[in-house]
Every structure is written in structure tokens, then in C-alpha cells.
Amino acid sequence: MSRRETLRVEISLPQARLDKFLKKQFPDTSRGAFQRLIQDGDVRVDGKTIKPTHQPRAGEEIVIIWPEPDPAEAQPEDIPLDVLYEDDRLLVINKPVGIVVHPAAGHASGTLVNALLHHCAGQLSGVGGVARPGIVHRLDKDTSGCLVVAKDDSAHHALSAQFADRKTTKMYQALVCGKPAKEHLTVKSPIGRHPVHRKKMAIVERGRDSHTDFRVLEALRDSALVEARLHTGRTHQIRVHLQHLGCPLVGDPVYGGRPARQFAQSTGYEAPRQMLHAAALGFTHPLSGEKMELNAPLPADFMDALNFLKTH
């Protein structure tokens, strides 16, 4: 069954196209997917079908009719994986930038699941169903780093319980706009759906409890390299908490706002994506009981950003 979502254009954008505008509002959905939705009549402006080249005007009401994800079984694809650890029960990979974890609308192939099905010859946990075999947790498309995958159901249940009971350790490295007020900061603010923009998360009074510890690793030009340790696992948690501190992620198209624009103007650096990397993941092995900690090196684009901000 399809799902409807409504948003209102706040500012006229005479130089923009509708498909580009929607891509900016929903960065996890490709521009091509929006073009198909528009052409199929599943995007309507003030109740009328429209072309992808339509220029959004203030006050217009846009209705998007989202199709349900295709539940068909994902197919194996020979996509290279950077494996940090692997045994008969699980594997940990260093997820590259730009790859979606599991199939969804607009991403039927080329996902991490497609790669895992090929790499593991189909031997993955079935707990997640045909769309998400082996997937215990996820990272955003444009977030890189450590991600654990279960090969059988018992490992999946054990790992999921550790995440739910907050018995895992999750450490990220983030490049942020501006300089945090203190070297060490803790944010404990509840997170829930944004009251207006339903694809976004926000700090809201009745949200779910969330806790992130931040530590400044290095001050850079109008920015800083920050370590973030997650004690809870809410959607977009680090991104929302950094926005709350006034130091959003460099390159974050959703939560960056004015600080991100000011950073780009002052430094001349245009980030290719949100600069967030899952640098370390710790958990207990579900069979041996061994304490595991895996580390993923910073990807090339992240290192390029650091070098630019140190030398310019």
C-alpha cells in the first residue's frame, strides 16, 4: 500500500528544478527516483501533475505518493567488500561511501545486501527477511566505516540484543563546522521525528532518550575533527546532536543549515558528502564470548578534507 507525504514550499526557487528540490529535501532518495515518480504522476503540486523541470514557488503544496518497497528477494552482485573480520558466524566490513545498506525504493540493486549475498554465497541470517538478510544495524548511504553482519539467525539475535541493551561500543569521527565550545561535551536530548519535515529527525520533548559524548581531536580552519561516542542508537543521532551544538557535520545537506553555508564560504571547501565515519565498533562475539573491537581507517575523501583544512 502506498504512503503519502505532504510538504509546502517556503521560498520561491526560480533557478531550481522540482526533481533537484525534492532530492535536497530527501537526500536518501535518488534524483532519478524522483524523476520517475514525477513522470508516473506520483508527485503533485497543488493537486496537479507536473514536469521535473517545474520551478518550485512559495506556498505550493507538494504531495509525494511513495510506493511500497518491492519485497522481491535481492540478487547477488559481485561488488567488492573491504572485510575487516570474518568467521563462520559473522563478518565486519568497512562500508564505503555512497552505498546503500539494503534495497529500497530507488535502490533495487547495487546495495550492500547485494554484495553480501555474493560474498557469503547466500549464507546470511534470515531474521531481516528477504530485503535485509544479515543486517543487524545500518549506516547512512554517505556514512562510511564499521558495520557488522550476521551469517546465521542465532548470531543475529545475539548481536541485536547487544545493540538493544547498549552493550556495544560505537565510536565515530566527524568533521564539524566551527569549533565546539569545550573540548569535551555531552548531549542527552530526546530525538524524534521533526514535527514538520517528516524525513528529518529533531530534538523533541517526547522523543526517545539519546546520549552522545563528543571530544575535540583537532582544531582546524573554521572547523574541527571530533570523536563521537554513541551510548544510544537513534536515527541521525550524531547529526542531530551536532546541529544542536551549533556545529553540524561538514557537508550535511539536511542538518547543516547556516553554519555549513558559512563554513563553505569562509574556507572554500565543498564537501562531497556528510563527513562522518564509523571508526570503531566493539561487541562480544556471539559464540566465543570474546570481546571484539574493529577499527576502520578514514577513507580517502575524509583525509583529503583534513589535508585541505590544514594547508589552506
C-alpha atoms as a PDB file:
ATOM      1  CA  MET A   1       0.000   0.000   0.000  1.00  0.00           C
ATOM      2  CA  SER A   2       1.388   3.413  -0.975  1.00  0.00           C
ATOM      3  CA  ARG A   3       2.137   6.206   1.515  1.00  0.00           C
ATOM      4  CA  ARG A   4       1.511   9.943   1.030  1.00  0.00           C
ATOM      5  CA  GLU A   5       3.725  12.730   2.269  1.00  0.00           C
ATOM      6  CA  THR A   6       2.983  16.451   2.030  1.00  0.00           C
ATOM      7  CA  LEU A   7       5.336  19.414   2.201  1.00  0.00           C
ATOM      8  CA  ARG A   8       4.963  23.109   1.461  1.00  0.00           C
ATOM      9  CA  VAL A   9       7.458  25.258  -0.431  1.00  0.00           C
ATOM     10  CA  GLU A  10       8.598  28.059   1.877  1.00  0.00           C
ATOM     11  CA  ILE A  11      10.670  30.136  -0.585  1.00  0.00           C
ATOM     12  CA  SER A  12      10.331  30.500  -4.366  1.00  0.00           C
ATOM     13  CA  LEU A  13      13.253  28.914  -6.210  1.00  0.00           C
ATOM     14  CA  PRO A  14      13.254  30.370  -9.743  1.00  0.00           C
ATOM     15  CA  GLN A  15      16.604  28.755 -10.616  1.00  0.00           C
ATOM     16  CA  ALA A  16      15.734  25.278  -9.281  1.00  0.00           C
ATOM     17  CA  ARG A  17      14.007  22.222 -10.728  1.00  0.00           C
ATOM     18  CA  LEU A  18      11.397  20.228  -8.857  1.00  0.00           C
ATOM     19  CA  ASP A  19      13.406  16.990  -9.007  1.00  0.00           C
ATOM     20  CA  LYS A  20      16.514  18.716  -7.588  1.00  0.00           C
ATOM     21  CA  PHE A  21      14.418  20.411  -4.905  1.00  0.00           C
ATOM     22  CA  LEU A  22      12.945  17.071  -3.795  1.00  0.00           C
ATOM     23  CA  LYS A  23      16.365  15.419  -3.817  1.00  0.00           C
ATOM     24  CA  LYS A  24      17.583  18.095  -1.385  1.00  0.00           C
ATOM     25  CA  GLN A  25      14.588  17.510   0.904  1.00  0.00           C
ATOM     26  CA  PHE A  26      15.021  13.718   0.827  1.00  0.00           C
ATOM     27  CA  PRO A  27      18.771  13.071   0.311  1.00  0.00           C
ATOM     28  CA  ASP A  28      18.451   9.289   0.772  1.00  0.00           C
ATOM     29  CA  THR A  29      16.309   9.088  -2.397  1.00  0.00           C
ATOM     30  CA  SER A  30      17.998   9.492  -5.774  1.00  0.00           C
ATOM     31  CA  ARG A  31      17.130  12.264  -8.200  1.00  0.00           C
ATOM     32  CA  GLY A  32      16.359   9.616 -10.820  1.00  0.00           C
ATOM     33  CA  ALA A  33      13.802   8.048  -8.482  1.00  0.00           C
ATOM     34  CA  PHE A  34      12.065  11.416  -8.118  1.00  0.00           C
ATOM     35  CA  GLN A  35      12.047  11.882 -11.886  1.00  0.00           C
ATOM     36  CA  ARG A  36      10.295   8.517 -12.237  1.00  0.00           C
ATOM     37  CA  LEU A  37       7.776   9.408  -9.520  1.00  0.00           C
ATOM     38  CA  ILE A  38       7.029  12.729 -11.245  1.00  0.00           C
ATOM     39  CA  GLN A  39       6.658  11.103 -14.660  1.00  0.00           C
ATOM     40  CA  ASP A  40       4.326   8.455 -13.182  1.00  0.00           C
ATOM     41  CA  GLY A  41       2.118  11.162 -11.676  1.00  0.00           C
ATOM     42  CA  ASP A  42       3.085  10.256  -8.107  1.00  0.00           C
ATOM     43  CA  VAL A  43       4.262  13.802  -7.334  1.00  0.00           C
ATOM     44  CA  ARG A  44       1.616  16.507  -7.498  1.00  0.00           C
ATOM     45  CA  VAL A  45       1.879  20.251  -6.992  1.00  0.00           C
ATOM     46  CA  ASP A  46      -1.331  21.899  -5.749  1.00  0.00           C
ATOM     47  CA  GLY A  47      -3.177  18.770  -6.863  1.00  0.00           C
ATOM     48  CA  LYS A  48      -1.809  18.757 -10.423  1.00  0.00           C
ATOM     49  CA  THR A  49       0.720  16.545 -12.179  1.00  0.00           C
ATOM     50  CA  ILE A  50       3.841  18.441 -13.126  1.00  0.00           C
ATOM     51  CA  LYS A  51       7.133  18.135 -15.036  1.00  0.00           C
ATOM     52  CA  PRO A  52      10.534  17.545 -13.375  1.00  0.00           C
ATOM     53  CA  THR A  53      11.610  20.982 -14.668  1.00  0.00           C
ATOM     54  CA  HIS A  54       8.871  22.795 -12.727  1.00  0.00           C
ATOM     55  CA  GLN A  55      10.311  25.620 -10.622  1.00  0.00           C
ATOM     56  CA  PRO A  56       9.030  25.477  -7.018  1.00  0.00           C
ATOM     57  CA  ARG A  57       7.165  28.599  -5.874  1.00  0.00           C
ATOM     58  CA  ALA A  58       6.434  29.780  -2.349  1.00  0.00           C
ATOM     59  CA  GLY A  59       3.152  28.488  -0.963  1.00  0.00           C
ATOM     60  CA  GLU A  60       2.863  25.469  -3.274  1.00  0.00           C
ATOM     61  CA  GLU A  61       1.787  22.205  -1.695  1.00  0.00           C
ATOM     62  CA  ILE A  62       3.679  19.166  -2.919  1.00  0.00           C
ATOM     63  CA  VAL A  63       2.237  15.698  -2.382  1.00  0.00           C
ATOM     64  CA  ILE A  64       4.502  12.675  -2.864  1.00  0.00           C
ATOM     65  CA  ILE A  65       2.944   9.234  -3.197  1.00  0.00           C
ATOM     66  CA  TRP A  66       5.650   6.827  -2.062  1.00  0.00           C
ATOM     67  CA  PRO A  67       5.388   3.274  -3.396  1.00  0.00           C
ATOM     68  CA  GLU A  68       5.972   0.374  -1.052  1.00  0.00           C
ATOM     69  CA  PRO A  69       9.434  -1.185  -1.400  1.00  0.00           C
ATOM     70  CA  ASP A  70       9.498  -4.213  -3.652  1.00  0.00           C
ATOM     71  CA  PRO A  71       9.644  -7.237  -1.337  1.00  0.00           C
ATOM     72  CA  ALA A  72      11.256  -9.387  -4.035  1.00  0.00           C
ATOM     73  CA  GLU A  73      14.396 -11.219  -2.986  1.00  0.00           C
ATOM     74  CA  ALA A  74      17.615  -9.312  -3.598  1.00  0.00           C
ATOM     75  CA  GLN A  75      20.061 -10.829  -6.084  1.00  0.00           C
ATOM     76  CA  PRO A  76      23.788 -11.441  -5.522  1.00  0.00           C
ATOM     77  CA  GLU A  77      26.078  -8.918  -7.190  1.00  0.00           C
ATOM     78  CA  ASP A  78      29.860  -9.033  -7.453  1.00  0.00           C
ATOM     79  CA  ILE A  79      30.578  -5.794  -5.596  1.00  0.00           C
ATOM     80  CA  PRO A  80      33.963  -5.646  -3.777  1.00  0.00           C
ATOM     81  CA  LEU A  81      33.874  -5.552   0.014  1.00  0.00           C
ATOM     82  CA  ASP A  82      36.508  -4.274   2.444  1.00  0.00           C
ATOM     83  CA  VAL A  83      36.316  -7.041   5.073  1.00  0.00           C
ATOM     84  CA  LEU A  84      37.814  -6.171   8.466  1.00  0.00           C
ATOM     85  CA  TYR A  85      36.945  -9.519  10.113  1.00  0.00           C
ATOM     86  CA  GLU A  86      35.130 -12.697   9.098  1.00  0.00           C
ATOM     87  CA  ASP A  87      34.331 -16.142  10.515  1.00  0.00           C
ATOM     88  CA  ASP A  88      31.511 -18.684  10.204  1.00  0.00           C
ATOM     89  CA  ARG A  89      29.067 -16.617  12.283  1.00  0.00           C
ATOM     90  CA  LEU A  90      29.597 -13.008  11.253  1.00  0.00           C
ATOM     91  CA  LEU A  91      31.679 -10.502   9.380  1.00  0.00           C
ATOM     92  CA  VAL A  92      32.569  -6.854   9.894  1.00  0.00           C
ATOM     93  CA  ILE A  93      33.077  -4.651   6.866  1.00  0.00           C
ATOM     94  CA  ASN A  94      34.370  -1.161   6.263  1.00  0.00           C
ATOM     95  CA  LYS A  95      31.348   0.234   4.409  1.00  0.00           C
ATOM     96  CA  PRO A  96      32.344   2.573   1.587  1.00  0.00           C
ATOM     97  CA  VAL A  97      30.775   5.960   0.978  1.00  0.00           C
ATOM     98  CA  GLY A  98      27.830   6.044  -1.417  1.00  0.00           C
ATOM     99  CA  ILE A  99      26.497   2.514  -0.999  1.00  0.00           C
ATOM    100  CA  VAL A 100      23.005   1.918   0.416  1.00  0.00           C
ATOM    101  CA  VAL A 101      22.793  -0.852   3.016  1.00  0.00           C
ATOM    102  CA  HIS A 102      19.644  -2.622   1.816  1.00  0.00           C
ATOM    103  CA  PRO A 103      17.278  -2.425  -1.182  1.00  0.00           C
ATOM    104  CA  ALA A 104      14.544   0.219  -1.016  1.00  0.00           C
ATOM    105  CA  ALA A 105      12.579   2.447  -3.354  1.00  0.00           C
ATOM    106  CA  GLY A 106      15.028   3.841  -5.902  1.00  0.00           C
ATOM    107  CA  HIS A 107      17.773   1.402  -4.857  1.00  0.00           C
ATOM    108  CA  ALA A 108      16.764  -2.064  -6.052  1.00  0.00           C
ATOM    109  CA  SER A 109      20.357  -3.095  -6.787  1.00  0.00           C
ATOM    110  CA  GLY A 110      23.929  -2.092  -6.058  1.00  0.00           C
ATOM    111  CA  THR A 111      23.338  -2.253  -2.300  1.00  0.00           C
ATOM    112  CA  LEU A 112      25.412  -3.765   0.476  1.00  0.00           C
ATOM    113  CA  VAL A 113      22.919  -6.637   0.696  1.00  0.00           C
ATOM    114  CA  ASN A 114      23.522  -7.475  -2.980  1.00  0.00           C
ATOM    115  CA  ALA A 115      27.277  -7.512  -2.302  1.00  0.00           C
ATOM    116  CA  LEU A 116      26.887  -9.657   0.833  1.00  0.00           C
ATOM    117  CA  LEU A 117      24.732 -12.223  -0.942  1.00  0.00           C
ATOM    118  CA  HIS A 118      27.542 -12.719  -3.461  1.00  0.00           C
ATOM    119  CA  HIS A 119      30.382 -12.656  -0.910  1.00  0.00           C
ATOM    120  CA  CYS A 120      28.661 -15.050   1.517  1.00  0.00           C
ATOM    121  CA  ALA A 121      27.118 -17.239  -1.211  1.00  0.00           C
ATOM    122  CA  GLY A 122      23.689 -16.647   0.305  1.00  0.00           C
ATOM    123  CA  GLN A 123      24.687 -17.777   3.805  1.00  0.00           C
ATOM    124  CA  LEU A 124      23.216 -14.887   5.751  1.00  0.00           C
ATOM    125  CA  SER A 125      20.788 -14.612   8.633  1.00  0.00           C
ATOM    126  CA  GLY A 126      17.148 -14.608   7.549  1.00  0.00           C
ATOM    127  CA  VAL A 127      15.961 -12.516  10.502  1.00  0.00           C
ATOM    128  CA  GLY A 128      15.777  -9.365   8.386  1.00  0.00           C
ATOM    129  CA  GLY A 129      13.656 -11.046   5.711  1.00  0.00           C
ATOM    130  CA  VAL A 130      14.428 -11.188   2.002  1.00  0.00           C
ATOM    131  CA  ALA A 131      15.110  -7.438   1.802  1.00  0.00           C
ATOM    132  CA  ARG A 132      17.601  -7.235   4.698  1.00  0.00           C
ATOM    133  CA  PRO A 133      19.339 -10.609   5.175  1.00  0.00           C
ATOM    134  CA  GLY A 134      22.116 -10.441   7.769  1.00  0.00           C
ATOM    135  CA  ILE A 135      21.651  -6.741   8.504  1.00  0.00           C
ATOM    136  CA  VAL A 136      21.899  -6.123  12.262  1.00  0.00           C
ATOM    137  CA  HIS A 137      22.306  -2.336  12.124  1.00  0.00           C
ATOM    138  CA  ARG A 138      22.805   0.224   9.381  1.00  0.00           C
ATOM    139  CA  LEU A 139      24.779   3.281   8.343  1.00  0.00           C
ATOM    140  CA  ASP A 140      23.536   6.122   6.157  1.00  0.00           C
ATOM    141  CA  LYS A 141      24.411   5.936   2.473  1.00  0.00           C
ATOM    142  CA  ASP A 142      27.032   8.683   2.842  1.00  0.00           C
ATOM    143  CA  THR A 143      28.494   7.439   6.135  1.00  0.00           C
ATOM    144  CA  SER A 144      31.489   5.127   5.926  1.00  0.00           C
ATOM    145  CA  GLY A 145      33.005   2.680   8.379  1.00  0.00           C
ATOM    146  CA  CYS A 146      32.447  -0.362  10.600  1.00  0.00           C
ATOM    147  CA  LEU A 147      29.295  -2.426  10.127  1.00  0.00           C
ATOM    148  CA  VAL A 148      28.690  -5.947  11.500  1.00  0.00           C
ATOM    149  CA  VAL A 149      26.676  -8.549   9.571  1.00  0.00           C
ATOM    150  CA  ALA A 150      25.241 -11.840  10.914  1.00  0.00           C
ATOM    151  CA  LYS A 151      25.604 -15.065   8.949  1.00  0.00           C
ATOM    152  CA  ASP A 152      23.047 -17.055  10.912  1.00  0.00           C
ATOM    153  CA  ASP A 153      19.943 -16.368  12.972  1.00  0.00           C
ATOM    154  CA  SER A 154      21.472 -17.113  16.383  1.00  0.00           C
ATOM    155  CA  ALA A 155      24.299 -14.654  15.750  1.00  0.00           C
ATOM    156  CA  HIS A 156      21.768 -12.105  14.505  1.00  0.00           C
ATOM    157  CA  HIS A 157      19.610 -12.380  17.636  1.00  0.00           C
ATOM    158  CA  ALA A 158      22.652 -12.188  19.940  1.00  0.00           C
ATOM    159  CA  LEU A 159      24.121  -9.147  18.198  1.00  0.00           C
ATOM    160  CA  SER A 160      20.748  -7.391  18.019  1.00  0.00           C
ATOM    161  CA  ALA A 161      20.333  -7.899  21.770  1.00  0.00           C
ATOM    162  CA  GLN A 162      23.724  -6.299  22.401  1.00  0.00           C
ATOM    163  CA  PHE A 163      22.746  -3.242  20.359  1.00  0.00           C
ATOM    164  CA  ALA A 164      19.355  -3.026  22.108  1.00  0.00           C
ATOM    165  CA  ASP A 165      20.910  -3.419  25.572  1.00  0.00           C
ATOM    166  CA  ARG A 166      23.626  -0.839  24.781  1.00  0.00           C
ATOM    167  CA  LYS A 167      26.409  -3.364  25.249  1.00  0.00           C
ATOM    168  CA  THR A 168      28.219  -2.391  22.060  1.00  0.00           C
ATOM    169  CA  THR A 169      30.735   0.431  21.734  1.00  0.00           C
ATOM    170  CA  LYS A 170      30.386   2.770  18.760  1.00  0.00           C
ATOM    171  CA  MET A 171      32.955   5.444  18.046  1.00  0.00           C
ATOM    172  CA  TYR A 172      32.715   7.824  15.098  1.00  0.00           C
ATOM    173  CA  GLN A 173      34.954  10.531  13.726  1.00  0.00           C
ATOM    174  CA  ALA A 174      33.229  13.648  12.447  1.00  0.00           C
ATOM    175  CA  LEU A 175      34.383  16.795  10.685  1.00  0.00           C
ATOM    176  CA  VAL A 176      32.250  19.637  12.027  1.00  0.00           C
ATOM    177  CA  CYS A 177      31.629  23.257  11.074  1.00  0.00           C
ATOM    178  CA  GLY A 178      33.080  25.729  13.553  1.00  0.00           C
ATOM    179  CA  LYS A 179      34.733  24.892  16.845  1.00  0.00           C
ATOM    180  CA  PRO A 180      32.797  23.320  19.743  1.00  0.00           C
ATOM    181  CA  ALA A 181      32.630  25.429  22.905  1.00  0.00           C
ATOM    182  CA  LYS A 182      34.535  22.869  25.001  1.00  0.00           C
ATOM    183  CA  GLU A 183      36.977  20.032  24.399  1.00  0.00           C
ATOM    184  CA  HIS A 184      34.547  17.544  25.958  1.00  0.00           C
ATOM    185  CA  LEU A 185      30.787  17.811  25.505  1.00  0.00           C
ATOM    186  CA  THR A 186      27.867  15.543  26.323  1.00  0.00           C
ATOM    187  CA  VAL A 187      24.422  15.795  24.771  1.00  0.00           C
ATOM    188  CA  LYS A 188      21.486  13.996  26.369  1.00  0.00           C
ATOM    189  CA  SER A 189      18.478  15.273  24.451  1.00  0.00           C
ATOM    190  CA  PRO A 190      15.489  13.206  23.223  1.00  0.00           C
ATOM    191  CA  ILE A 191      15.207  12.608  19.486  1.00  0.00           C
ATOM    192  CA  GLY A 192      12.057  12.043  17.440  1.00  0.00           C
ATOM    193  CA  ARG A 193      10.550  12.862  14.072  1.00  0.00           C
ATOM    194  CA  HIS A 194      10.672  16.522  13.085  1.00  0.00           C
ATOM    195  CA  PRO A 195       7.165  17.950  13.637  1.00  0.00           C
ATOM    196  CA  VAL A 196       7.041  19.426  10.104  1.00  0.00           C
ATOM    197  CA  HIS A 197       9.702  17.752   7.961  1.00  0.00           C
ATOM    198  CA  ARG A 198       8.881  14.096   8.477  1.00  0.00           C
ATOM    199  CA  LYS A 199      12.020  12.773   6.765  1.00  0.00           C
ATOM    200  CA  LYS A 200      14.135  14.626   9.331  1.00  0.00           C
ATOM    201  CA  MET A 201      14.792  13.919  12.984  1.00  0.00           C
ATOM    202  CA  ALA A 202      14.918  16.597  15.679  1.00  0.00           C
ATOM    203  CA  ILE A 203      15.259  17.134  19.394  1.00  0.00           C
ATOM    204  CA  VAL A 204      11.674  16.969  20.618  1.00  0.00           C
ATOM    205  CA  GLU A 205      10.164  16.889  24.089  1.00  0.00           C
ATOM    206  CA  ARG A 206       8.546  13.471  23.700  1.00  0.00           C
ATOM    207  CA  GLY A 207      11.340  11.884  21.684  1.00  0.00           C
ATOM    208  CA  ARG A 208      13.370   8.824  22.643  1.00  0.00           C
ATOM    209  CA  ASP A 209      16.248   9.306  25.051  1.00  0.00           C
ATOM    210  CA  SER A 210      19.603   9.756  23.352  1.00  0.00           C
ATOM    211  CA  HIS A 211      23.145  10.228  24.612  1.00  0.00           C
ATOM    212  CA  THR A 212      26.315  11.188  22.737  1.00  0.00           C
ATOM    213  CA  ASP A 213      29.731  12.119  24.130  1.00  0.00           C
ATOM    214  CA  PHE A 214      31.914  14.370  21.982  1.00  0.00           C
ATOM    215  CA  ARG A 215      35.653  15.056  22.209  1.00  0.00           C
ATOM    216  CA  VAL A 216      37.577  17.510  20.058  1.00  0.00           C
ATOM    217  CA  LEU A 217      40.564  15.728  18.494  1.00  0.00           C
ATOM    218  CA  GLU A 218      41.972  18.585  16.432  1.00  0.00           C
ATOM    219  CA  ALA A 219      41.096  22.205  15.708  1.00  0.00           C
ATOM    220  CA  LEU A 220      41.169  23.068  12.003  1.00  0.00           C
ATOM    221  CA  ARG A 221      40.332  26.109   9.878  1.00  0.00           C
ATOM    222  CA  ASP A 222      36.797  27.176  10.925  1.00  0.00           C
ATOM    223  CA  SER A 223      36.165  23.523  11.776  1.00  0.00           C
ATOM    224  CA  ALA A 224      37.249  20.647  13.990  1.00  0.00           C
ATOM    225  CA  LEU A 225      37.835  16.904  13.907  1.00  0.00           C
ATOM    226  CA  VAL A 226      35.623  15.434  16.618  1.00  0.00           C
ATOM    227  CA  GLU A 227      35.235  11.992  18.163  1.00  0.00           C
ATOM    228  CA  ALA A 228      31.649  10.954  18.905  1.00  0.00           C
ATOM    229  CA  ARG A 229      30.789   8.043  21.179  1.00  0.00           C
ATOM    230  CA  LEU A 230      27.229   6.774  20.959  1.00  0.00           C
ATOM    231  CA  HIS A 231      25.501   5.425  24.059  1.00  0.00           C
ATOM    232  CA  THR A 232      22.173   5.081  22.224  1.00  0.00           C
ATOM    233  CA  GLY A 233      21.385   4.407  18.587  1.00  0.00           C
ATOM    234  CA  ARG A 234      18.744   6.807  17.358  1.00  0.00           C
ATOM    235  CA  THR A 235      18.287   7.657  13.689  1.00  0.00           C
ATOM    236  CA  HIS A 236      20.630  10.518  12.673  1.00  0.00           C
ATOM    237  CA  GLN A 237      21.668  10.863  16.333  1.00  0.00           C
ATOM    238  CA  ILE A 238      25.138  12.335  15.805  1.00  0.00           C
ATOM    239  CA  ARG A 239      23.913  14.666  13.073  1.00  0.00           C
ATOM    240  CA  VAL A 240      21.034  15.990  15.197  1.00  0.00           C
ATOM    241  CA  HIS A 241      23.168  16.423  18.324  1.00  0.00           C
ATOM    242  CA  LEU A 242      25.879  18.276  16.404  1.00  0.00           C
ATOM    243  CA  GLN A 243      23.249  20.559  14.894  1.00  0.00           C
ATOM    244  CA  HIS A 244      22.004  21.192  18.455  1.00  0.00           C
ATOM    245  CA  LEU A 245      25.546  22.226  19.472  1.00  0.00           C
ATOM    246  CA  GLY A 246      25.711  24.657  16.550  1.00  0.00           C
ATOM    247  CA  CYS A 247      28.492  22.628  14.900  1.00  0.00           C
ATOM    248  CA  PRO A 248      26.803  20.458  12.252  1.00  0.00           C
ATOM    249  CA  LEU A 249      28.668  17.980  10.098  1.00  0.00           C
ATOM    250  CA  VAL A 250      30.623  19.431   7.196  1.00  0.00           C
ATOM    251  CA  GLY A 251      28.705  18.528   4.032  1.00  0.00           C
ATOM    252  CA  ASP A 252      25.455  17.586   5.787  1.00  0.00           C
ATOM    253  CA  PRO A 253      22.690  18.538   3.304  1.00  0.00           C
ATOM    254  CA  VAL A 254      19.884  18.053   5.818  1.00  0.00           C
ATOM    255  CA  TYR A 255      21.129  19.415   9.144  1.00  0.00           C
ATOM    256  CA  GLY A 256      23.953  21.726   8.029  1.00  0.00           C
ATOM    257  CA  GLY A 257      21.955  24.935   7.667  1.00  0.00           C
ATOM    258  CA  ARG A 258      23.597  28.345   8.048  1.00  0.00           C
ATOM    259  CA  PRO A 259      26.805  27.099   9.777  1.00  0.00           C
ATOM    260  CA  ALA A 260      27.506  24.799   6.810  1.00  0.00           C
ATOM    261  CA  ARG A 261      26.988  27.635   4.324  1.00  0.00           C
ATOM    262  CA  GLN A 262      29.238  29.951   6.339  1.00  0.00           C
ATOM    263  CA  PHE A 263      31.900  27.241   6.561  1.00  0.00           C
ATOM    264  CA  ALA A 264      31.879  26.689   2.787  1.00  0.00           C
ATOM    265  CA  GLN A 265      32.160  30.437   2.141  1.00  0.00           C
ATOM    266  CA  SER A 266      34.982  31.022   4.625  1.00  0.00           C
ATOM    267  CA  THR A 267      37.116  28.008   3.684  1.00  0.00           C
ATOM    268  CA  GLY A 268      36.302  27.462   0.003  1.00  0.00           C
ATOM    269  CA  TYR A 269      35.911  23.742   0.711  1.00  0.00           C
ATOM    270  CA  GLU A 270      32.928  21.949  -0.841  1.00  0.00           C
ATOM    271  CA  ALA A 271      32.399  18.597   0.847  1.00  0.00           C
ATOM    272  CA  PRO A 272      31.402  15.661  -1.390  1.00  0.00           C
ATOM    273  CA  ARG A 273      29.152  14.235   1.349  1.00  0.00           C
ATOM    274  CA  GLN A 274      28.453  14.390   5.081  1.00  0.00           C
ATOM    275  CA  MET A 275      31.852  13.888   6.721  1.00  0.00           C
ATOM    276  CA  LEU A 276      31.046  11.130   9.213  1.00  0.00           C
ATOM    277  CA  HIS A 277      32.938   7.848   9.640  1.00  0.00           C
ATOM    278  CA  ALA A 278      32.218   4.874  11.929  1.00  0.00           C
ATOM    279  CA  ALA A 279      35.819   4.439  13.042  1.00  0.00           C
ATOM    280  CA  ALA A 280      35.443   1.701  15.676  1.00  0.00           C
ATOM    281  CA  LEU A 281      32.884  -0.919  16.707  1.00  0.00           C
ATOM    282  CA  GLY A 282      33.080  -3.133  19.777  1.00  0.00           C
ATOM    283  CA  PHE A 283      30.895  -6.115  20.706  1.00  0.00           C
ATOM    284  CA  THR A 284      31.018  -9.591  22.261  1.00  0.00           C
ATOM    285  CA  HIS A 285      31.336 -12.473  19.827  1.00  0.00           C
ATOM    286  CA  PRO A 286      28.026 -14.406  19.998  1.00  0.00           C
ATOM    287  CA  LEU A 287      29.727 -17.831  20.000  1.00  0.00           C
ATOM    288  CA  SER A 288      33.142 -17.489  21.667  1.00  0.00           C
ATOM    289  CA  GLY A 289      32.262 -14.689  24.092  1.00  0.00           C
ATOM    290  CA  GLU A 290      35.433 -12.871  23.019  1.00  0.00           C
ATOM    291  CA  LYS A 291      35.486  -9.102  23.252  1.00  0.00           C
ATOM    292  CA  MET A 292      35.883  -7.790  19.717  1.00  0.00           C
ATOM    293  CA  GLU A 293      36.904  -4.299  18.605  1.00  0.00           C
ATOM    294  CA  LEU A 294      37.285  -3.499  14.923  1.00  0.00           C
ATOM    295  CA  ASN A 295      38.728  -0.290  13.513  1.00  0.00           C
ATOM    296  CA  ALA A 296      38.245   1.205  10.052  1.00  0.00           C
ATOM    297  CA  PRO A 297      40.732   3.757   8.668  1.00  0.00           C
ATOM    298  CA  LEU A 298      39.464   7.095   7.418  1.00  0.00           C
ATOM    299  CA  PRO A 299      38.517   6.978   3.717  1.00  0.00           C
ATOM    300  CA  ALA A 300      40.363   8.988   1.084  1.00  0.00           C
ATOM    301  CA  ASP A 301      37.793  11.790   0.778  1.00  0.00           C
ATOM    302  CA  PHE A 302      37.872  12.344   4.546  1.00  0.00           C
ATOM    303  CA  MET A 303      41.674  12.515   4.521  1.00  0.00           C
ATOM    304  CA  ASP A 304      41.520  14.945   1.585  1.00  0.00           C
ATOM    305  CA  ALA A 305      39.197  17.191   3.612  1.00  0.00           C
ATOM    306  CA  LEU A 306      41.545  17.166   6.614  1.00  0.00           C
ATOM    307  CA  ASN A 307      44.568  17.946   4.439  1.00  0.00           C
ATOM    308  CA  PHE A 308      42.740  20.816   2.724  1.00  0.00           C
ATOM    309  CA  LEU A 309      41.715  22.407   6.033  1.00  0.00           C
ATOM    310  CA  LYS A 310      45.242  22.078   7.401  1.00  0.00           C
ATOM    311  CA  THR A 311      47.002  23.592   4.394  1.00  0.00           C
ATOM    312  CA  HIS A 312      44.622  26.281   3.065  1.00  0.00           C
END
